[in-house]
PDB file of N, CA and C in Angstrom:
ATOM      1  N   MET A   1     114.240 130.128 115.710  1.00  0.00           N
ATOM      2  CA  MET A   1     113.207 131.079 115.056  1.00  0.00           C
ATOM      3  C   MET A   1     112.023 130.879 115.909  1.00  0.00           C
ATOM      4  N   PHE A   2     111.467 129.645 115.915  1.00  0.00           N
ATOM      5  CA  PHE A   2     110.416 129.418 116.795  1.00  0.00           C
ATOM      6  C   PHE A   2     110.582 129.854 118.251  1.00  0.00           C
ATOM      7  N   SER A   3     111.489 129.610 118.917  1.00  0.00           N
ATOM      8  CA  SER A   3     111.877 129.857 120.242  1.00  0.00           C
ATOM      9  C   SER A   3     111.963 131.342 120.349  1.00  0.00           C
ATOM     10  N   GLU A   4     112.693 132.051 119.407  1.00  0.00           N
ATOM     11  CA  GLU A   4     112.642 133.404 119.371  1.00  0.00           C
ATOM     12  C   GLU A   4     111.231 134.262 119.458  1.00  0.00           C
ATOM     13  N   GLN A   5     110.498 133.627 118.697  1.00  0.00           N
ATOM     14  CA  GLN A   5     109.203 134.232 118.516  1.00  0.00           C
ATOM     15  C   GLN A   5     108.216 133.787 119.842  1.00  0.00           C
ATOM     16  N   ALA A   6     108.500 132.600 120.293  1.00  0.00           N
ATOM     17  CA  ALA A   6     107.724 132.269 121.462  1.00  0.00           C
ATOM     18  C   ALA A   6     108.118 132.962 122.616  1.00  0.00           C
ATOM     19  N   ALA A   7     109.560 133.280 122.750  1.00  0.00           N
ATOM     20  CA  ALA A   7     110.111 134.277 124.113  1.00  0.00           C
ATOM     21  C   ALA A   7     109.424 135.485 123.847  1.00  0.00           C
ATOM     22  N   GLN A   8     109.226 135.986 122.775  1.00  0.00           N
ATOM     23  CA  GLN A   8     108.601 137.360 123.026  1.00  0.00           C
ATOM     24  C   GLN A   8     107.169 137.404 123.226  1.00  0.00           C
ATOM     25  N   ARG A   9     106.684 136.281 123.189  1.00  0.00           N
ATOM     26  CA  ARG A   9     105.192 136.202 123.551  1.00  0.00           C
ATOM     27  C   ARG A   9     105.283 135.103 125.045  1.00  0.00           C
ATOM     28  N   ALA A  10     106.045 135.020 125.808  1.00  0.00           N
ATOM     29  CA  ALA A  10     105.979 134.150 126.774  1.00  0.00           C
ATOM     30  C   ALA A  10     105.025 134.648 127.658  1.00  0.00           C
ATOM     31  N   HIS A  11     104.754 135.960 128.083  1.00  0.00           N
ATOM     32  CA  HIS A  11     103.975 136.902 129.164  1.00  0.00           C
ATOM     33  C   HIS A  11     102.418 136.138 128.664  1.00  0.00           C
ATOM     34  N   THR A  12     102.189 135.867 127.508  1.00  0.00           N
ATOM     35  CA  THR A  12     100.872 135.586 127.016  1.00  0.00           C
ATOM     36  C   THR A  12     100.276 134.005 127.036  1.00  0.00           C
ATOM     37  N   LEU A  13     101.273 133.181 127.594  1.00  0.00           N
ATOM     38  CA  LEU A  13     100.946 131.797 127.805  1.00  0.00           C
ATOM     39  C   LEU A  13      99.855 131.556 128.554  1.00  0.00           C
ATOM     40  N   LEU A  14      99.504 132.205 129.610  1.00  0.00           N
ATOM     41  CA  LEU A  14      98.370 131.985 130.458  1.00  0.00           C
ATOM     42  C   LEU A  14      97.299 132.895 130.366  1.00  0.00           C
ATOM     43  N   SER A  15      97.271 133.558 129.251  1.00  0.00           N
ATOM     44  CA  SER A  15      96.183 134.628 128.866  1.00  0.00           C
ATOM     45  C   SER A  15      95.057 134.333 127.924  1.00  0.00           C
ATOM     46  N   PRO A  16      94.052 134.546 127.920  1.00  0.00           N
ATOM     47  CA  PRO A  16      93.090 134.096 126.903  1.00  0.00           C
ATOM     48  C   PRO A  16      93.485 134.410 125.745  1.00  0.00           C
ATOM     49  N   PRO A  17      93.005 133.595 124.618  1.00  0.00           N
ATOM     50  CA  PRO A  17      93.323 133.714 123.316  1.00  0.00           C
ATOM     51  C   PRO A  17      93.130 134.960 122.513  1.00  0.00           C
ATOM     52  N   SER A  18      94.129 135.354 121.661  1.00  0.00           N
ATOM     53  CA  SER A  18      93.884 136.748 121.141  1.00  0.00           C
ATOM     54  C   SER A  18      93.109 136.218 119.795  1.00  0.00           C
ATOM     55  N   ALA A  19      92.930 137.391 119.426  1.00  0.00           N
ATOM     56  CA  ALA A  19      92.291 137.354 117.898  1.00  0.00           C
ATOM     57  C   ALA A  19      93.412 137.371 116.767  1.00  0.00           C
ATOM     58  N   ASN A  20      94.395 137.560 117.275  1.00  0.00           N
ATOM     59  CA  ASN A  20      95.539 137.688 116.191  1.00  0.00           C
ATOM     60  C   ASN A  20      96.113 136.229 115.970  1.00  0.00           C
ATOM     61  N   ASN A  21      95.844 135.445 115.092  1.00  0.00           N
ATOM     62  CA  ASN A  21      96.360 134.156 115.035  1.00  0.00           C
ATOM     63  C   ASN A  21      97.782 134.144 114.474  1.00  0.00           C
ATOM     64  N   ALA A  22      98.609 133.584 115.180  1.00  0.00           N
ATOM     65  CA  ALA A  22      99.971 133.997 114.989  1.00  0.00           C
ATOM     66  C   ALA A  22     100.449 132.419 113.856  1.00  0.00           C
ATOM     67  N   THR A  23     101.339 132.875 112.914  1.00  0.00           N
ATOM     68  CA  THR A  23     101.560 131.667 112.136  1.00  0.00           C
ATOM     69  C   THR A  23     103.234 131.814 112.098  1.00  0.00           C
ATOM     70  N   PHE A  24     103.859 130.701 111.803  1.00  0.00           N
ATOM     71  CA  PHE A  24     105.103 130.587 111.797  1.00  0.00           C
ATOM     72  C   PHE A  24     105.702 129.848 110.518  1.00  0.00           C
ATOM     73  N   ALA A  25     106.560 130.482 109.986  1.00  0.00           N
ATOM     74  CA  ALA A  25     107.178 130.003 108.620  1.00  0.00           C
ATOM     75  C   ALA A  25     107.912 128.756 108.782  1.00  0.00           C
ATOM     76  N   ARG A  26     107.568 127.640 107.893  1.00  0.00           N
ATOM     77  CA  ARG A  26     108.018 126.471 107.829  1.00  0.00           C
ATOM     78  C   ARG A  26     109.325 126.422 107.148  1.00  0.00           C
ATOM     79  N   VAL A  27     110.351 125.512 107.544  1.00  0.00           N
ATOM     80  CA  VAL A  27     111.618 125.455 107.052  1.00  0.00           C
ATOM     81  C   VAL A  27     111.619 124.183 106.070  1.00  0.00           C
ATOM     82  N   PRO A  28     111.593 124.458 104.746  1.00  0.00           N
ATOM     83  CA  PRO A  28     111.534 123.524 103.898  1.00  0.00           C
ATOM     84  C   PRO A  28     112.683 122.520 104.073  1.00  0.00           C
ATOM     85  N   VAL A  29     112.203 121.018 103.892  1.00  0.00           N
ATOM     86  CA  VAL A  29     113.156 119.919 104.284  1.00  0.00           C
ATOM     87  C   VAL A  29     113.492 119.500 102.671  1.00  0.00           C
ATOM     88  N   ALA A  30     114.473 119.810 102.176  1.00  0.00           N
ATOM     89  CA  ALA A  30     115.020 119.467 100.739  1.00  0.00           C
ATOM     90  C   ALA A  30     115.915 118.404 100.712  1.00  0.00           C
ATOM     91  N   THR A  31     116.630 118.136 101.808  1.00  0.00           N
ATOM     92  CA  THR A  31     117.673 117.054 101.957  1.00  0.00           C
ATOM     93  C   THR A  31     117.210 115.876 102.508  1.00  0.00           C
ATOM     94  N   TYR A  32     116.242 115.537 102.500  1.00  0.00           N
ATOM     95  CA  TYR A  32     115.572 114.284 103.393  1.00  0.00           C
ATOM     96  C   TYR A  32     116.181 112.858 102.952  1.00  0.00           C
ATOM     97  N   THR A  33     116.731 112.285 103.762  1.00  0.00           N
ATOM     98  CA  THR A  33     117.347 110.814 103.009  1.00  0.00           C
ATOM     99  C   THR A  33     116.532 109.696 103.884  1.00  0.00           C
ATOM    100  N   ASN A  34     116.000 109.041 103.090  1.00  0.00           N
ATOM    101  CA  ASN A  34     115.147 107.863 104.026  1.00  0.00           C
ATOM    102  C   ASN A  34     116.199 106.752 104.209  1.00  0.00           C
ATOM    103  N   SER A  35     116.553 106.619 105.661  1.00  0.00           N
ATOM    104  CA  SER A  35     117.575 105.649 106.086  1.00  0.00           C
ATOM    105  C   SER A  35     116.889 104.637 106.729  1.00  0.00           C
ATOM    106  N   SER A  36     115.784 104.209 106.560  1.00  0.00           N
ATOM    107  CA  SER A  36     115.021 103.306 107.265  1.00  0.00           C
ATOM    108  C   SER A  36     115.288 101.720 106.708  1.00  0.00           C
ATOM    109  N   GLN A  37     115.694 101.731 105.570  1.00  0.00           N
ATOM    110  CA  GLN A  37     115.953 100.245 104.893  1.00  0.00           C
ATOM    111  C   GLN A  37     116.692  99.464 105.645  1.00  0.00           C
ATOM    112  N   PRO A  38     117.721  99.792 106.501  1.00  0.00           N
ATOM    113  CA  PRO A  38     118.420  98.537 107.508  1.00  0.00           C
ATOM    114  C   PRO A  38     117.259  98.201 108.580  1.00  0.00           C
ATOM    115  N   PHE A  39     116.432  98.881 108.982  1.00  0.00           N
ATOM    116  CA  PHE A  39     115.676  98.487 109.950  1.00  0.00           C
ATOM    117  C   PHE A  39     114.054  97.840 109.392  1.00  0.00           C
ATOM    118  N   ARG A  40     113.889  97.591 108.068  1.00  0.00           N
ATOM    119  CA  ARG A  40     112.833  96.970 107.609  1.00  0.00           C
ATOM    120  C   ARG A  40     112.849  95.426 107.825  1.00  0.00           C
ATOM    121  N   LEU A  41     111.775  94.703 108.050  1.00  0.00           N
ATOM    122  CA  LEU A  41     111.845  93.468 108.120  1.00  0.00           C
ATOM    123  C   LEU A  41     111.317  92.866 106.626  1.00  0.00           C
ATOM    124  N   GLY A  42     112.281  91.836 106.392  1.00  0.00           N
ATOM    125  CA  GLY A  42     111.968  91.226 104.946  1.00  0.00           C
ATOM    126  C   GLY A  42     110.748  90.246 105.289  1.00  0.00           C
ATOM    127  N   GLU A  43     110.345  89.516 104.071  1.00  0.00           N
ATOM    128  CA  GLU A  43     109.304  88.584 104.217  1.00  0.00           C
ATOM    129  C   GLU A  43     109.692  87.501 104.883  1.00  0.00           C
ATOM    130  N   ARG A  44     108.566  87.065 105.921  1.00  0.00           N
ATOM    131  CA  ARG A  44     109.014  85.841 106.626  1.00  0.00           C
ATOM    132  C   ARG A  44     107.788  84.971 106.547  1.00  0.00           C
ATOM    133  N   SER A  45     108.037  83.642 106.524  1.00  0.00           N
ATOM    134  CA  SER A  45     106.942  82.768 106.679  1.00  0.00           C
ATOM    135  C   SER A  45     106.869  82.132 107.888  1.00  0.00           C
ATOM    136  N   PHE A  46     105.503  82.288 108.508  1.00  0.00           N
ATOM    137  CA  PHE A  46     105.393  81.710 109.846  1.00  0.00           C
ATOM    138  C   PHE A  46     104.676  80.337 109.835  1.00  0.00           C
ATOM    139  N   SER A  47     104.520  79.504 108.596  1.00  0.00           N
ATOM    140  CA  SER A  47     103.707  78.598 108.212  1.00  0.00           C
ATOM    141  C   SER A  47     104.430  77.380 109.163  1.00  0.00           C
ATOM    142  N   ARG A  48     105.582  77.120 109.277  1.00  0.00           N
ATOM    143  CA  ARG A  48     106.284  76.134 109.947  1.00  0.00           C
ATOM    144  C   ARG A  48     106.574  76.475 111.517  1.00  0.00           C
ATOM    145  N   GLN A  49     105.960  77.270 112.000  1.00  0.00           N
ATOM    146  CA  GLN A  49     106.163  77.721 113.241  1.00  0.00           C
ATOM    147  C   GLN A  49     105.982  76.808 114.176  1.00  0.00           C
ATOM    148  N   TYR A  50     104.906  76.019 114.121  1.00  0.00           N
ATOM    149  CA  TYR A  50     104.549  75.131 115.065  1.00  0.00           C
ATOM    150  C   TYR A  50     104.820  73.634 114.625  1.00  0.00           C
ATOM    151  N   ALA A  51     105.604  73.393 113.253  1.00  0.00           N
ATOM    152  CA  ALA A  51     105.892  71.937 112.880  1.00  0.00           C
ATOM    153  C   ALA A  51     106.390  71.085 113.722  1.00  0.00           C
ATOM    154  N   HIS A  52     107.384  71.432 114.554  1.00  0.00           N
ATOM    155  CA  HIS A  52     108.047  70.473 115.419  1.00  0.00           C
ATOM    156  C   HIS A  52     107.056  70.039 116.524  1.00  0.00           C
ATOM    157  N   ILE A  53     106.065  70.905 116.984  1.00  0.00           N
ATOM    158  CA  ILE A  53     105.193  70.545 117.897  1.00  0.00           C
ATOM    159  C   ILE A  53     104.104  69.379 117.289  1.00  0.00           C
ATOM    160  N   TYR A  54     103.836  69.711 116.160  1.00  0.00           N
ATOM    161  CA  TYR A  54     102.798  68.705 115.625  1.00  0.00           C
ATOM    162  C   TYR A  54     103.484  67.307 115.229  1.00  0.00           C
ATOM    163  N   ALA A  55     104.608  67.617 114.818  1.00  0.00           N
ATOM    164  CA  ALA A  55     105.433  66.222 114.549  1.00  0.00           C
ATOM    165  C   ALA A  55     105.586  65.343 115.793  1.00  0.00           C
ATOM    166  N   THR A  56     106.026  66.033 116.691  1.00  0.00           N
ATOM    167  CA  THR A  56     106.120  65.147 118.139  1.00  0.00           C
ATOM    168  C   THR A  56     104.816  64.661 118.624  1.00  0.00           C
ATOM    169  N   ARG A  57     103.812  65.560 118.349  1.00  0.00           N
ATOM    170  CA  ARG A  57     102.394  65.013 118.693  1.00  0.00           C
ATOM    171  C   ARG A  57     102.038  63.810 117.971  1.00  0.00           C
ATOM    172  N   LEU A  58     102.131  64.090 116.529  1.00  0.00           N
ATOM    173  CA  LEU A  58     101.801  62.712 115.517  1.00  0.00           C
ATOM    174  C   LEU A  58     102.600  61.643 115.980  1.00  0.00           C
ATOM    175  N   ILE A  59     103.941  61.670 116.409  1.00  0.00           N
ATOM    176  CA  ILE A  59     104.847  60.464 116.683  1.00  0.00           C
ATOM    177  C   ILE A  59     104.113  60.148 117.960  1.00  0.00           C
ATOM    178  N   GLN A  60     103.963  60.696 118.918  1.00  0.00           N
ATOM    179  CA  GLN A  60     103.292  60.012 120.194  1.00  0.00           C
ATOM    180  C   GLN A  60     102.010  59.501 120.096  1.00  0.00           C
ATOM    181  N   MET A  61     101.338  60.013 119.321  1.00  0.00           N
ATOM    182  CA  MET A  61     100.018  59.640 119.191  1.00  0.00           C
ATOM    183  C   MET A  61      99.792  58.459 118.207  1.00  0.00           C
ATOM    184  N   ARG A  62     100.719  58.112 117.290  1.00  0.00           N
ATOM    185  CA  ARG A  62     100.537  57.144 116.403  1.00  0.00           C
ATOM    186  C   ARG A  62     100.311  55.656 116.812  1.00  0.00           C
ATOM    187  N   PRO A  63     100.695  55.245 117.799  1.00  0.00           N
ATOM    188  CA  PRO A  63     100.318  53.885 118.451  1.00  0.00           C
ATOM    189  C   PRO A  63      98.902  53.817 118.785  1.00  0.00           C
ATOM    190  N   PHE A  64      98.427  54.758 119.601  1.00  0.00           N
ATOM    191  CA  PHE A  64      97.217  54.765 120.124  1.00  0.00           C
ATOM    192  C   PHE A  64      96.105  55.065 118.853  1.00  0.00           C
ATOM    193  N   LEU A  65      96.487  55.831 117.749  1.00  0.00           N
ATOM    194  CA  LEU A  65      95.455  56.030 116.478  1.00  0.00           C
ATOM    195  C   LEU A  65      95.496  54.821 115.713  1.00  0.00           C
ATOM    196  N   GLU A  66      96.662  54.050 115.483  1.00  0.00           N
ATOM    197  CA  GLU A  66      96.734  52.716 115.139  1.00  0.00           C
ATOM    198  C   GLU A  66      95.712  51.809 115.662  1.00  0.00           C
ATOM    199  N   ASN A  67      95.776  51.654 116.959  1.00  0.00           N
ATOM    200  CA  ASN A  67      95.071  50.892 117.798  1.00  0.00           C
ATOM    201  C   ASN A  67      93.571  51.043 117.700  1.00  0.00           C
ATOM    202  N   ARG A  68      93.158  52.323 117.673  1.00  0.00           N
ATOM    203  CA  ARG A  68      91.735  52.693 117.433  1.00  0.00           C
ATOM    204  C   ARG A  68      91.369  52.459 115.983  1.00  0.00           C
ATOM    205  N   ALA A  69      92.198  52.638 114.930  1.00  0.00           N
ATOM    206  CA  ALA A  69      91.797  52.425 113.689  1.00  0.00           C
ATOM    207  C   ALA A  69      91.669  50.810 113.472  1.00  0.00           C
ATOM    208  N   GLN A  70      92.432  50.053 113.984  1.00  0.00           N
ATOM    209  CA  GLN A  70      92.229  48.578 113.913  1.00  0.00           C
ATOM    210  C   GLN A  70      90.981  48.195 114.579  1.00  0.00           C
ATOM    211  N   GLN A  71      90.600  48.627 115.846  1.00  0.00           N
ATOM    212  CA  GLN A  71      89.364  48.419 116.290  1.00  0.00           C
ATOM    213  C   GLN A  71      88.455  48.909 115.442  1.00  0.00           C
ATOM    214  N   HIS A  72      88.346  49.913 114.872  1.00  0.00           N
ATOM    215  CA  HIS A  72      87.393  50.489 114.046  1.00  0.00           C
ATOM    216  C   HIS A  72      87.033  49.617 112.971  1.00  0.00           C
ATOM    217  N   TRP A  73      87.911  49.536 112.084  1.00  0.00           N
ATOM    218  CA  TRP A  73      87.855  48.849 110.775  1.00  0.00           C
ATOM    219  C   TRP A  73      88.327  47.329 110.700  1.00  0.00           C
ATOM    220  N   ALA A  74      88.778  46.815 111.883  1.00  0.00           N
ATOM    221  CA  ALA A  74      89.124  45.336 112.021  1.00  0.00           C
ATOM    222  C   ALA A  74      90.086  44.833 110.931  1.00  0.00           C
ATOM    223  N   GLN A  75      91.162  45.878 110.499  1.00  0.00           N
ATOM    224  CA  GLN A  75      92.098  45.459 109.708  1.00  0.00           C
ATOM    225  C   GLN A  75      93.407  46.081 110.241  1.00  0.00           C
ATOM    226  N   PRO A  76      94.399  45.385 109.982  1.00  0.00           N
ATOM    227  CA  PRO A  76      95.700  45.949 110.347  1.00  0.00           C
ATOM    228  C   PRO A  76      95.970  47.382 109.717  1.00  0.00           C
ATOM    229  N   ALA A  77      96.720  48.361 110.172  1.00  0.00           N
ATOM    230  CA  ALA A  77      97.104  49.446 109.326  1.00  0.00           C
ATOM    231  C   ALA A  77      98.168  49.188 108.650  1.00  0.00           C
ATOM    232  N   PRO A  78      98.379  49.733 107.351  1.00  0.00           N
ATOM    233  CA  PRO A  78      99.704  49.713 106.601  1.00  0.00           C
ATOM    234  C   PRO A  78     100.909  50.102 107.385  1.00  0.00           C
ATOM    235  N   PRO A  79     102.172  49.446 107.015  1.00  0.00           N
ATOM    236  CA  PRO A  79     103.320  49.926 107.810  1.00  0.00           C
ATOM    237  C   PRO A  79     103.512  51.376 107.552  1.00  0.00           C
ATOM    238  N   ALA A  80     104.128  52.092 108.422  1.00  0.00           N
ATOM    239  CA  ALA A  80     104.427  53.642 108.268  1.00  0.00           C
ATOM    240  C   ALA A  80     105.789  53.610 107.336  1.00  0.00           C
ATOM    241  N   SER A  81     105.705  54.516 106.444  1.00  0.00           N
ATOM    242  CA  SER A  81     106.703  54.799 105.349  1.00  0.00           C
ATOM    243  C   SER A  81     107.752  55.651 106.109  1.00  0.00           C
ATOM    244  N   SER A  82     108.833  55.087 105.967  1.00  0.00           N
ATOM    245  CA  SER A  82     110.034  56.159 106.498  1.00  0.00           C
ATOM    246  C   SER A  82     110.475  56.982 105.443  1.00  0.00           C
ATOM    247  N   GLU A  83     109.872  58.430 105.415  1.00  0.00           N
ATOM    248  CA  GLU A  83     110.490  59.476 104.629  1.00  0.00           C
ATOM    249  C   GLU A  83     111.156  60.523 105.327  1.00  0.00           C
TER     250      GLU A  83
END
């Protein structure tokens, strides 16, 4: 449809615009089916994204921080709970 109309006017592609505005009939889309559901991402939580990094950091820093706390408050820190 469009290509047939365009082929008839191919000689005017490099010519100045005409006063006649060409219009093309649109084809109605009555049978559209949304098939995007398999590609949609579900809800995701990124709150624990760096949890392993922070846990390792805290494990490595605990002795240093306990020492600093003992120096600052002059009391031994309570033992760590094993949760």
